Protein backbone atom coordinates (compact mmCIF):
# COMPACT_ATOMS: atom_id res chain seq x y z
CA MET A 1 -9.42 -2.34 28.22
CA VAL A 2 -10.91 -4.25 25.02
CA GLU A 3 -10.16 -2.38 21.53
CA PRO A 4 -12.99 -1.29 19.48
CA THR A 5 -13.49 -3.31 16.47
CA VAL A 6 -12.70 -1.75 13.02
CA ARG A 7 -14.23 -2.09 10.10
CA ILE A 8 -12.16 -2.83 7.05
CA PRO A 9 -13.61 -0.12 4.15
CA CYS A 10 -12.35 -2.81 1.49
CA THR A 11 -12.45 -6.81 1.09
CA LEU A 12 -8.90 -8.95 -0.01
CA GLU A 13 -10.70 -9.23 -3.22
CA ASP A 14 -11.45 -5.69 -3.82
CA MET A 15 -7.52 -5.88 -4.06
CA ARG A 16 -7.25 -8.52 -6.03
CA GLY A 17 -9.16 -6.15 -8.50
CA TYR A 18 -7.42 -3.51 -7.92
CA ILE A 19 -3.68 -5.48 -8.26
CA GLN A 20 -5.55 -6.76 -11.53
CA PHE A 21 -6.31 -4.05 -12.89
CA ARG A 22 -3.69 -2.09 -12.48
CA VAL A 23 -1.24 -4.68 -13.69
CA LEU A 24 -3.32 -5.16 -16.99
CA ASP A 25 -3.63 -1.52 -17.78
CA SER A 26 0.24 -0.99 -17.04
CA VAL A 27 1.52 -2.98 -19.50
CA GLY A 28 0.04 -2.38 -22.43
CA TYR A 29 -0.19 1.26 -23.86
CA PRO A 30 -1.14 3.34 -21.01
CA GLY A 31 -4.83 3.83 -20.15
CA ALA A 32 -5.85 1.10 -23.22
CA TYR A 33 -7.04 -1.57 -20.73
CA LYS A 34 -8.85 0.88 -18.63
CA LYS A 35 -10.54 1.88 -21.67
CA PHE A 36 -11.47 -2.02 -22.49
CA MET A 37 -12.76 -2.53 -19.45
CA LEU A 38 -15.34 1.47 -19.20
CA ALA A 39 -16.51 -0.16 -22.12
CA ARG A 40 -16.86 -3.96 -21.37
CA LYS A 41 -18.99 -1.97 -17.81
CA ASP A 42 -21.07 -0.15 -20.08
CA GLN A 43 -22.27 -3.48 -21.71
CA GLU A 44 -23.10 -4.76 -18.44
CA ALA A 45 -20.40 -7.43 -18.82
CA ALA A 46 -19.93 -9.08 -14.64
CA TRP A 47 -16.64 -9.46 -14.95
CA ALA A 48 -15.83 -5.39 -15.87
CA VAL A 49 -19.39 -4.38 -13.28
CA THR A 50 -17.07 -6.25 -10.26
CA MET A 51 -13.88 -4.96 -11.48
CA ALA A 52 -15.28 -1.21 -11.05
CA GLN A 53 -16.40 -1.94 -8.34
CA GLN A 54 -13.06 -3.95 -6.09
CA ILE A 55 -11.85 -0.48 -8.10
CA GLN A 56 -13.62 2.22 -6.14
CA ALA A 57 -13.38 0.02 -2.86
CA VAL A 58 -9.71 0.38 -3.14
CA GLN A 59 -9.72 4.19 -3.86
CA ALA A 60 -11.72 4.74 -1.18
CA ALA A 61 -9.82 2.99 1.13
CA LEU A 62 -7.04 4.63 0.28
CA GLN A 63 -8.58 7.89 0.62
CA GLU A 64 -10.13 7.17 3.92
CA LEU A 65 -6.72 6.28 5.18
CA GLU A 66 -4.78 9.61 4.25
CA LEU A 67 -7.91 11.26 6.04
CA LYS A 68 -7.16 9.13 8.91
CA GLU A 69 -3.32 9.95 8.93
CA GLN A 70 -4.31 13.62 8.58
CA GLU A 71 -5.87 13.25 11.93
CA LEU A 72 -3.15 12.05 13.48
CA ARG A 73 -1.81 15.96 12.82
CA SER A 74 -3.58 17.51 15.56
CA SER A 75 -3.52 14.55 18.36
CA PRO A 76 -1.30 13.31 20.51
CA LEU A 77 -0.28 11.37 18.06
CA ALA A 78 1.52 13.67 15.80
CA PRO A 79 4.80 12.62 16.03
CA LEU A 80 3.49 9.03 14.48
CA HIS A 81 1.91 12.00 11.72
CA MET A 82 5.50 13.07 11.31
CA VAL A 83 7.38 9.41 10.91
CA TRP A 84 4.33 8.00 8.64
CA HIS A 85 4.80 11.74 6.23
CA HIS A 86 9.07 10.79 6.35
CA VAL A 87 8.50 6.83 5.29
CA ALA A 88 5.82 7.53 2.41
CA GLU A 89 8.17 10.57 0.97
CA SER A 90 10.85 7.84 0.72
CA ASN A 91 12.02 5.84 -1.84
CA LEU A 92 13.43 2.90 0.40
CA PRO A 93 11.79 1.00 3.17
CA PRO A 94 12.28 1.04 6.74
CA SER A 95 13.74 -2.12 6.92
CA ASP A 96 17.14 -3.52 8.22
CA LEU A 97 16.62 -0.46 10.99
CA GLN A 98 19.56 0.01 12.74
CA LEU A 99 18.97 -0.50 16.60
CA THR A 100 20.28 1.63 19.53
CA ILE A 101 18.75 2.57 23.29
CA ALA A 102 16.91 6.03 22.93
CA SER A 103 14.02 8.16 23.50
CA CYS A 104 10.62 7.20 21.23
CA PRO A 105 8.94 10.35 20.72
CA ILE A 106 5.85 8.60 19.66
CA SER A 107 5.28 6.43 22.87
CA ARG A 108 6.81 9.23 25.14
CA LYS A 109 9.88 6.18 26.82
CA THR A 110 13.29 6.83 27.31
CA ASN A 111 15.85 4.62 27.79
CA ILE A 112 14.06 1.72 25.21
CA PRO A 113 15.35 -0.26 22.14
CA CYS A 114 14.41 1.66 19.13
CA VAL A 115 15.51 2.11 15.34
CA ILE A 116 16.59 5.18 13.58
CA VAL A 117 14.52 5.61 10.93
CA ARG A 118 17.10 8.09 9.05
CA GLY A 119 15.83 11.55 7.92
CA LYS A 120 15.28 12.79 4.17
CA GLY A 121 18.79 14.17 2.53
CA ARG A 122 22.36 15.37 3.76
CA GLY A 123 22.80 16.16 7.31
CA ALA A 124 18.43 15.25 7.97
CA GLN A 125 18.17 14.22 11.68
CA PRO A 126 17.37 10.90 11.86
CA PHE A 127 14.12 9.54 13.63
CA THR A 128 14.33 6.87 16.67
CA VAL A 129 11.27 5.10 17.68
CA ASN A 130 10.55 1.75 19.72
CA SER A 131 11.28 -0.71 17.70
CA ARG A 132 7.85 -2.28 18.26
CA PHE A 133 7.16 0.18 15.41
CA ALA A 134 8.99 -1.13 12.71
CA GLY A 135 6.73 -3.07 11.54
CA PHE A 136 4.17 -0.65 10.98
CA LEU A 137 5.90 1.87 9.62
CA PHE A 138 7.15 -0.90 6.94
CA ASP A 139 3.44 -1.79 6.41
CA VAL A 140 3.04 1.78 6.00
CA TRP A 141 5.26 2.59 2.96
CA LEU A 142 4.38 -0.65 0.90
CA VAL A 143 1.03 0.79 1.26
CA CYS A 144 2.18 4.33 0.42
CA LYS A 145 3.89 2.51 -2.92
CA LEU A 146 1.62 0.39 -3.42
CA ASP A 147 0.74 1.75 -7.03
CA VAL A 148 4.63 2.16 -7.70
CA LEU A 149 5.38 -0.96 -6.78
CA ILE A 150 2.47 -2.55 -8.71
CA LYS A 151 3.64 -1.34 -12.20
CA THR A 152 7.04 -2.57 -11.28
CA PHE A 153 5.60 -5.89 -10.84
CA ALA A 154 4.15 -5.33 -14.43
CA LYS A 155 7.13 -4.00 -15.40
CA GLN A 156 9.11 -7.19 -14.66
CA CYS A 157 5.56 -9.38 -15.58
CA MET A 158 6.31 -7.63 -19.49
CA GLU A 159 9.49 -8.89 -19.44
CA ARG A 160 8.53 -11.94 -18.94
CA VAL A 161 5.84 -12.60 -22.04
CA ASP A 162 6.63 -10.55 -24.20
CA ARG A 163 10.48 -10.22 -23.84
CA GLU A 164 10.81 -9.68 -28.48
CA GLY A 165 7.96 -6.92 -28.05
CA GLY A 166 5.85 -8.67 -31.09
CA LEU A 167 2.55 -9.74 -28.77
CA THR A 168 -1.19 -7.88 -29.12
CA MET A 169 -2.69 -6.43 -26.32
CA ALA A 170 -5.04 -8.94 -25.96
CA GLN A 171 -2.40 -11.66 -26.11
CA ILE A 172 0.05 -10.21 -23.37
CA VAL A 173 -3.39 -9.93 -21.12
CA GLN A 174 -3.93 -13.67 -21.20
CA ALA A 175 -0.39 -14.63 -21.28
CA VAL A 176 -0.04 -12.42 -17.86
CA GLN A 177 -3.12 -13.71 -16.78
CA ASP A 178 -1.62 -17.26 -17.38
CA ALA A 179 1.34 -16.46 -16.05
CA HIS A 180 1.30 -14.61 -13.28
CA ALA A 181 -2.29 -15.35 -11.94
CA ASP A 182 -0.49 -16.73 -8.57
CA ASP A 183 1.82 -13.74 -8.38
CA MET A 184 -0.91 -10.99 -7.96
CA HIS A 185 -2.60 -12.85 -5.19
CA ALA A 186 0.34 -13.05 -3.86
CA LEU A 187 0.80 -9.19 -3.70
CA ALA A 188 -3.05 -8.94 -3.33
CA ARG A 189 -2.62 -11.45 0.22
CA ALA A 190 0.28 -8.62 1.02
CA PHE A 191 -1.06 -5.45 0.40
CA TYR A 192 -4.16 -6.15 2.48
CA ALA A 193 -2.76 -7.50 5.24
CA ALA A 194 -0.15 -4.56 5.28
CA TYR A 195 -3.59 -2.21 4.23
CA CYS A 196 -5.27 -3.88 7.63
CA HIS A 197 -2.56 -3.52 9.83
CA VAL A 198 -1.80 -0.30 9.19
CA TYR A 199 -5.72 1.04 9.16
CA ARG A 200 -6.95 -1.12 12.41
CA SER A 201 -4.08 0.45 13.90
CA THR A 202 -4.54 3.81 13.29
CA VAL A 203 -8.40 3.10 13.76
CA VAL A 204 -7.27 1.67 17.30
CA ALA A 205 -4.80 4.21 18.91
CA LEU A 206 -6.83 7.66 17.61
CA SER A 207 -10.37 6.14 19.28
CA THR A 208 -8.17 5.24 22.81
CA ILE A 209 -6.07 8.24 23.07
CA ILE A 210 -8.16 11.16 22.07
């Protein structure tokens, strides 16, 4: 069976603009860069208009993925929704997962290679899922923690470009853009690939199983 073509709600350029905005809005006084960007947008500065559109596109894409995830709850893939929700709530990524032979509630297959996803809290029941889901679950975590990870990256940028705390907002923004443009592009590629994987897989699963 040929898998349906899936339209991705945002582009790589949208993700780049979103990450740049989130980083720059985190390195100074909270909300200062956003206020500056919106003011320049009202003045019809091309870069600000584009950035505002990119932010809106990524936010809409994340909301669309959330709606798809909620559709899983009332579908035959409800066990995936349960694991997804747990992964999204976890502070740690589902990486370096222990392998075992067990049953997978998502694929409904028994005695297959599975990874163990630890339950939250002491004594919580662990999840065993087909090892093929490991990459998908890691990307789910990346997408769900997008803003947290960007803020962590922004903090690291600040520590590198303004260790003495003596730069102005304009100088910090310029320093971050000069020193970390390639890093932000790399982040955008990684996050966009994760989003595309999760979104496309979810849409295809819902359209072919339901």
